[in-house]
Amino acid sequence: MIPVTVRDSQKPAYYAGLKEYQKTGQVNGLPDVFRRAQGLFLVDSYDFAVPYNYSRDK
């Protein structure tokens, strides 16, 4: 599972999505906010990738 960390730049859209949910019960905007947050997390995590030598497992 990919973590969701809402960044400061995403907070207006996140808060708008929460308000929409409170008023209408619809989550129309929130999935996009979460999807973008996960995408940014993945991009940031590439810097921490450690190569793995599969040949030692054989």
C-alpha atoms as a PDB file:
ATOM      1  CA  MET A   1       0.000   0.000   0.000  1.00  0.00           C
ATOM      2  CA  ILE A   2       1.338   3.413  -0.932  1.00  0.00           C
ATOM      3  CA  PRO A   3       1.137   6.028   1.851  1.00  0.00           C
ATOM      4  CA  VAL A   4      -0.828   9.226   1.398  1.00  0.00           C
ATOM      5  CA  THR A   5       0.866  12.381   2.622  1.00  0.00           C
ATOM      6  CA  VAL A   6      -0.997  15.543   1.681  1.00  0.00           C
ATOM      7  CA  ARG A   7       1.516  18.303   1.033  1.00  0.00           C
ATOM      8  CA  ASP A   8       0.977  21.955   1.840  1.00  0.00           C
ATOM      9  CA  SER A   9       0.443  22.729  -1.842  1.00  0.00           C
ATOM     10  CA  GLN A  10      -2.378  20.140  -1.958  1.00  0.00           C
ATOM     11  CA  LYS A  11      -4.171  21.257   1.193  1.00  0.00           C
ATOM     12  CA  PRO A  12      -6.654  23.630  -0.500  1.00  0.00           C
ATOM     13  CA  ALA A  13      -7.914  20.818  -2.745  1.00  0.00           C
ATOM     14  CA  TYR A  14      -7.918  18.391   0.201  1.00  0.00           C
ATOM     15  CA  TYR A  15      -9.923  20.756   2.421  1.00  0.00           C
ATOM     16  CA  ALA A  16     -12.334  21.483  -0.433  1.00  0.00           C
ATOM     17  CA  GLY A  17     -12.860  17.746  -0.864  1.00  0.00           C
ATOM     18  CA  LEU A  18     -13.532  17.319   2.850  1.00  0.00           C
ATOM     19  CA  LYS A  19     -16.046  20.174   2.826  1.00  0.00           C
ATOM     20  CA  GLU A  20     -17.777  18.674  -0.202  1.00  0.00           C
ATOM     21  CA  TYR A  21     -18.047  15.359   1.603  1.00  0.00           C
ATOM     22  CA  GLN A  22     -19.490  17.014   4.716  1.00  0.00           C
ATOM     23  CA  LYS A  23     -22.128  18.841   2.670  1.00  0.00           C
ATOM     24  CA  THR A  24     -23.063  16.219   0.078  1.00  0.00           C
ATOM     25  CA  GLY A  25     -21.612  12.882   1.185  1.00  0.00           C
ATOM     26  CA  GLN A  26     -19.760  12.713  -2.153  1.00  0.00           C
ATOM     27  CA  VAL A  27     -15.996  12.143  -2.354  1.00  0.00           C
ATOM     28  CA  ASN A  28     -15.572  13.411  -5.922  1.00  0.00           C
ATOM     29  CA  GLY A  29     -12.398  15.474  -5.384  1.00  0.00           C
ATOM     30  CA  LEU A  30     -10.629  13.416  -2.727  1.00  0.00           C
ATOM     31  CA  PRO A  31      -9.545  10.436  -4.859  1.00  0.00           C
ATOM     32  CA  ASP A  32      -7.635  12.778  -7.182  1.00  0.00           C
ATOM     33  CA  VAL A  33      -5.923  14.460  -4.229  1.00  0.00           C
ATOM     34  CA  PHE A  34      -4.910  11.077  -2.804  1.00  0.00           C
ATOM     35  CA  ARG A  35      -3.761   9.767  -6.188  1.00  0.00           C
ATOM     36  CA  ARG A  36      -1.520  12.801  -6.709  1.00  0.00           C
ATOM     37  CA  ALA A  37      -0.148  12.533  -3.167  1.00  0.00           C
ATOM     38  CA  GLN A  38       0.721   8.878  -3.729  1.00  0.00           C
ATOM     39  CA  GLY A  39       2.371   9.709  -7.050  1.00  0.00           C
ATOM     40  CA  LEU A  40       4.552  12.331  -5.390  1.00  0.00           C
ATOM     41  CA  PHE A  41       5.460   9.861  -2.651  1.00  0.00           C
ATOM     42  CA  LEU A  42       6.557   7.318  -5.262  1.00  0.00           C
ATOM     43  CA  VAL A  43       8.685   9.861  -7.102  1.00  0.00           C
ATOM     44  CA  ASP A  44      10.355  10.885  -3.838  1.00  0.00           C
ATOM     45  CA  SER A  45      10.929   7.265  -2.811  1.00  0.00           C
ATOM     46  CA  TYR A  46      12.934   6.459  -5.956  1.00  0.00           C
ATOM     47  CA  ASP A  47      15.878   8.258  -4.364  1.00  0.00           C
ATOM     48  CA  PHE A  48      15.876   5.663  -1.583  1.00  0.00           C
ATOM     49  CA  ALA A  49      15.864   2.600  -3.816  1.00  0.00           C
ATOM     50  CA  VAL A  50      18.609   0.125  -3.005  1.00  0.00           C
ATOM     51  CA  PRO A  51      19.753  -2.216  -5.770  1.00  0.00           C
ATOM     52  CA  TYR A  52      19.257  -5.876  -4.946  1.00  0.00           C
ATOM     53  CA  ASN A  53      21.528  -8.610  -6.253  1.00  0.00           C
ATOM     54  CA  TYR A  54      19.208 -11.487  -7.151  1.00  0.00           C
ATOM     55  CA  SER A  55      22.095 -13.711  -8.264  1.00  0.00           C
ATOM     56  CA  ARG A  56      23.129 -14.284  -4.630  1.00  0.00           C
ATOM     57  CA  ASP A  57      19.752 -15.916  -3.911  1.00  0.00           C
ATOM     58  CA  LYS A  58      20.303 -18.768  -6.358  1.00  0.00           C
END
